[in-house]
């Protein structure tokens, strides 16, 4: 039986889904418009060809993960940057070959704290050569608070990823993918965005596992 951590109110889901729906259009403008002087990169164009797959993944987002919206169009996220467990610089490109659930969180974010045990359970049960939950802490300052929180809550399966500069949050915000925290991005093994969510979810649930199965399909 799947362990349950916490349900999130339906009204909260509706509000998050409405806001995220507005963001979907903004992402399309980001990729197709020229007002900012930025044309879509070759990587973005390659990922845009996966928009049909992203729509299928979005259709699989139901129940506990219903606020996860299909990328429309899909875009390349290879350049999202953060640091690894030993302080080494990383980007999403370093995870090529894996489906990634990228989650941005902070210790001062109550919904982030609530969903962390479920993210840990998802990594424990499904993490491996072809999938990883990449939970990136964005607390400013040193590592003491986030590491203490993870230890106190018994989180042991997640690798420790960190960005104290808020750079990765600002990158996702510029791409119209982030409103606040938590932010979760489902990325395929080529570094292409399949779906995105603002707000918490129950990640150790049958709904989450069905979503992950859809993302892994070619």
Protein backbone atom coordinates (compact mmCIF):
# COMPACT_ATOMS: atom_id res chain seq x y z
CA UNK A 1 0.00 0.00 0.00
CA UNK A 2 1.27 3.46 -0.88
CA UNK A 3 1.92 5.60 2.18
CA UNK A 4 0.01 8.87 2.21
CA UNK A 5 1.51 12.04 3.61
CA UNK A 6 -0.93 14.90 3.22
CA UNK A 7 -3.82 15.92 1.00
CA UNK A 8 -3.89 19.44 -0.35
CA UNK A 9 -7.22 21.30 -0.47
CA UNK A 10 -9.17 21.17 -3.73
CA UNK A 11 -9.58 24.96 -3.74
CA UNK A 12 -5.79 25.33 -3.66
CA UNK A 13 -5.49 23.01 -6.66
CA UNK A 14 -8.02 25.06 -8.61
CA UNK A 15 -6.18 28.30 -7.90
CA UNK A 16 -2.81 26.80 -8.82
CA UNK A 17 -4.19 25.24 -12.01
CA UNK A 18 -5.72 28.56 -13.07
CA UNK A 19 -2.46 30.44 -12.57
CA UNK A 20 -0.43 27.73 -14.25
CA UNK A 21 -2.82 27.73 -17.20
CA UNK A 22 -2.06 31.38 -17.75
CA UNK A 23 1.64 30.54 -17.67
CA UNK A 24 1.25 27.96 -20.46
CA UNK A 25 0.41 30.72 -22.92
CA UNK A 26 3.32 32.79 -21.69
CA UNK A 27 5.69 29.90 -22.41
CA UNK A 28 4.44 29.74 -25.99
CA UNK A 29 5.13 33.46 -26.40
CA UNK A 30 8.61 32.99 -24.93
CA UNK A 31 9.48 30.43 -27.59
CA UNK A 32 7.74 31.89 -30.62
CA UNK A 33 7.89 35.66 -30.07
CA UNK A 34 10.67 38.02 -31.00
CA UNK A 35 9.80 41.00 -28.81
CA UNK A 36 12.55 40.05 -26.36
CA UNK A 37 15.02 39.63 -29.22
CA UNK A 38 15.46 35.94 -28.40
CA UNK A 39 14.75 33.37 -31.08
CA UNK A 40 14.16 29.76 -30.11
CA UNK A 41 17.41 27.80 -29.95
CA UNK A 42 18.07 24.63 -31.92
CA UNK A 43 17.53 22.71 -28.69
CA UNK A 44 14.17 24.43 -28.15
CA UNK A 45 13.12 23.58 -31.69
CA UNK A 46 14.06 19.94 -31.16
CA UNK A 47 12.09 19.86 -27.91
CA UNK A 48 9.11 21.56 -29.55
CA UNK A 49 8.79 18.45 -31.71
CA UNK A 50 7.97 16.58 -28.48
CA UNK A 51 4.92 18.70 -27.71
CA UNK A 52 2.60 15.83 -28.66
CA UNK A 53 4.28 13.64 -26.07
CA UNK A 54 3.99 16.45 -23.53
CA UNK A 55 0.25 16.61 -24.20
CA UNK A 56 -0.03 12.87 -23.53
CA UNK A 57 1.85 13.32 -20.26
CA UNK A 58 -0.42 16.21 -19.32
CA UNK A 59 -3.47 14.03 -19.96
CA UNK A 60 -2.06 11.53 -17.45
CA UNK A 61 -1.90 14.21 -14.74
CA UNK A 62 -4.99 13.48 -12.67
CA UNK A 63 -6.06 13.32 -9.04
CA UNK A 64 -3.21 14.17 -6.68
CA UNK A 65 -1.08 15.59 -9.53
CA UNK A 66 -3.88 17.23 -11.54
CA UNK A 67 -2.21 20.66 -11.37
CA UNK A 68 0.68 19.41 -13.50
CA UNK A 69 0.25 21.06 -16.91
CA UNK A 70 1.58 19.85 -20.24
CA UNK A 71 4.37 21.92 -21.75
CA UNK A 72 2.91 23.73 -24.75
CA UNK A 73 5.25 23.82 -26.50
CA UNK A 74 7.99 21.74 -24.96
CA UNK A 75 11.28 23.59 -24.47
CA UNK A 76 14.88 22.74 -23.64
CA UNK A 77 15.92 23.09 -20.00
CA UNK A 78 19.53 21.94 -20.33
CA UNK A 79 20.89 25.24 -19.04
CA UNK A 80 19.14 25.27 -15.64
CA UNK A 81 22.05 25.43 -13.21
CA UNK A 82 22.63 24.46 -9.57
CA UNK A 83 25.17 22.62 -7.39
CA UNK A 84 25.55 18.96 -6.54
CA UNK A 85 26.08 17.12 -3.24
CA UNK A 86 29.78 18.00 -3.17
CA UNK A 87 29.30 21.59 -4.31
CA UNK A 88 30.12 20.78 -7.93
CA UNK A 89 28.37 22.91 -10.60
CA UNK A 90 25.66 21.04 -12.49
CA UNK A 91 23.02 21.71 -15.11
CA UNK A 92 20.03 19.70 -16.28
CA UNK A 93 22.23 18.62 -19.20
CA UNK A 94 24.24 16.50 -16.75
CA UNK A 95 21.16 14.31 -16.28
CA UNK A 96 20.76 13.41 -19.95
CA UNK A 97 19.53 9.82 -20.23
CA UNK A 98 17.28 10.18 -17.16
CA UNK A 99 13.73 11.33 -16.76
CA UNK A 100 13.93 14.02 -14.07
CA UNK A 101 11.39 15.43 -11.64
CA UNK A 102 13.04 18.76 -10.81
CA UNK A 103 11.63 20.36 -7.66
CA UNK A 104 12.59 23.78 -6.26
CA UNK A 105 12.05 24.16 -2.51
CA UNK A 106 13.04 26.16 0.56
CA UNK A 107 12.85 25.58 4.30
CA UNK A 108 10.68 28.69 4.77
CA UNK A 109 8.08 27.33 2.31
CA UNK A 110 5.46 25.35 4.28
CA UNK A 111 4.03 23.46 1.25
CA UNK A 112 7.59 22.53 0.23
CA UNK A 113 8.24 21.05 3.65
CA UNK A 114 4.95 19.13 3.55
CA UNK A 115 5.68 17.40 0.24
CA UNK A 116 9.34 16.58 0.88
CA UNK A 117 8.76 13.15 2.51
CA UNK A 118 6.66 12.08 -0.49
CA UNK A 119 9.37 13.22 -2.92
CA UNK A 120 11.86 11.22 -0.87
CA UNK A 121 9.59 8.15 -1.08
CA UNK A 122 9.25 8.57 -4.86
CA UNK A 123 13.03 8.65 -5.22
CA UNK A 124 13.45 5.66 -2.92
CA UNK A 125 10.97 3.55 -4.92
CA UNK A 126 11.67 4.71 -8.49
CA UNK A 127 15.09 6.34 -8.51
CA UNK A 128 17.76 4.67 -10.59
CA UNK A 129 19.61 4.85 -13.89
CA UNK A 130 16.58 6.14 -15.80
CA UNK A 131 14.87 8.41 -13.24
CA UNK A 132 15.75 10.83 -10.45
CA UNK A 133 13.96 13.29 -8.23
CA UNK A 134 16.24 16.34 -8.28
CA UNK A 135 15.09 18.48 -5.35
CA UNK A 136 17.04 21.76 -5.40
CA UNK A 137 17.04 23.82 -2.23
CA UNK A 138 17.14 27.60 -2.80
CA UNK A 139 17.60 28.88 0.76
CA UNK A 140 20.06 31.74 0.86
CA UNK A 141 22.94 31.47 3.29
CA UNK A 142 24.83 28.33 4.27
CA UNK A 143 23.72 24.69 4.24
CA UNK A 144 22.80 24.42 7.93
CA UNK A 145 19.02 25.00 7.70
CA UNK A 146 18.24 22.77 4.71
CA UNK A 147 20.47 19.96 5.91
CA UNK A 148 18.97 20.13 9.42
CA UNK A 149 15.44 20.04 8.00
CA UNK A 150 16.17 17.00 5.84
CA UNK A 151 17.75 15.18 8.78
CA UNK A 152 14.88 16.02 11.12
CA UNK A 153 12.25 14.78 8.66
CA UNK A 154 14.10 11.56 7.86
CA UNK A 155 14.71 12.41 4.20
CA UNK A 156 17.49 10.05 3.15
CA UNK A 157 16.95 8.99 -0.47
CA UNK A 158 17.20 12.39 -2.15
CA UNK A 159 20.58 13.66 -3.21
CA UNK A 160 21.37 17.11 -1.85
CA UNK A 161 21.14 19.74 -4.57
CA UNK A 162 21.47 23.44 -3.84
CA UNK A 163 21.42 26.94 -5.31
CA UNK A 164 21.84 29.70 -2.73
CA UNK A 165 21.89 32.41 -5.43
CA UNK A 166 18.22 32.00 -6.49
CA UNK A 167 19.59 31.69 -10.02
CA UNK A 168 17.62 28.58 -10.94
CA UNK A 169 14.41 30.09 -9.60
CA UNK A 170 14.99 33.25 -11.60
CA UNK A 171 15.72 31.16 -14.71
CA UNK A 172 12.41 29.32 -14.39
CA UNK A 173 10.61 32.58 -13.64
CA UNK A 174 12.02 34.17 -16.79
CA UNK A 175 10.70 31.20 -18.75
CA UNK A 176 7.22 31.78 -17.25
CA UNK A 177 7.37 28.48 -15.34
CA UNK A 178 7.59 29.78 -11.76
CA UNK A 179 5.23 31.89 -9.69
CA UNK A 180 6.40 30.90 -6.23
CA UNK A 181 7.39 27.74 -4.38
CA UNK A 182 7.33 24.84 -4.74
CA UNK A 183 7.94 24.59 -8.48
CA UNK A 184 8.09 21.15 -10.11
CA UNK A 185 9.24 20.41 -13.67
CA UNK A 186 8.98 17.01 -15.35
CA UNK A 187 11.84 16.70 -17.83
CA UNK A 188 12.50 13.87 -20.28
CA UNK A 189 15.79 12.08 -20.90
CA UNK A 190 16.74 14.59 -23.61
CA UNK A 191 16.37 17.60 -21.29
CA UNK A 192 12.98 18.63 -22.73
CA UNK A 193 10.19 19.94 -20.52
CA UNK A 194 7.13 17.68 -20.53
CA UNK A 195 5.01 19.25 -17.78
CA UNK A 196 5.23 21.82 -15.00
CA UNK A 197 3.46 22.72 -11.77
CA UNK A 198 3.33 25.56 -9.28
CA UNK A 199 2.25 24.34 -5.85
CA UNK A 200 2.52 21.11 -3.86
CA UNK A 201 1.43 17.58 -4.74
CA UNK A 202 1.28 14.16 -3.12
CA UNK A 203 4.15 12.56 -5.00
CA UNK A 204 4.00 9.16 -3.30
CA UNK A 205 0.60 8.31 -4.76
CA UNK A 206 -0.81 6.11 -7.55
CA UNK A 207 -1.57 9.26 -9.55
CA UNK A 208 2.07 10.35 -9.38
CA UNK A 209 3.33 6.93 -10.43
CA UNK A 210 0.97 6.88 -13.43
CA UNK A 211 2.28 10.30 -14.45
CA UNK A 212 5.85 9.08 -14.21
CA UNK A 213 5.00 6.00 -16.31
CA UNK A 214 3.57 8.25 -19.03
CA UNK A 215 6.71 10.40 -19.00
CA UNK A 216 8.96 7.38 -19.44
CA UNK A 217 7.13 6.15 -22.54
CA UNK A 218 8.67 6.98 -25.92
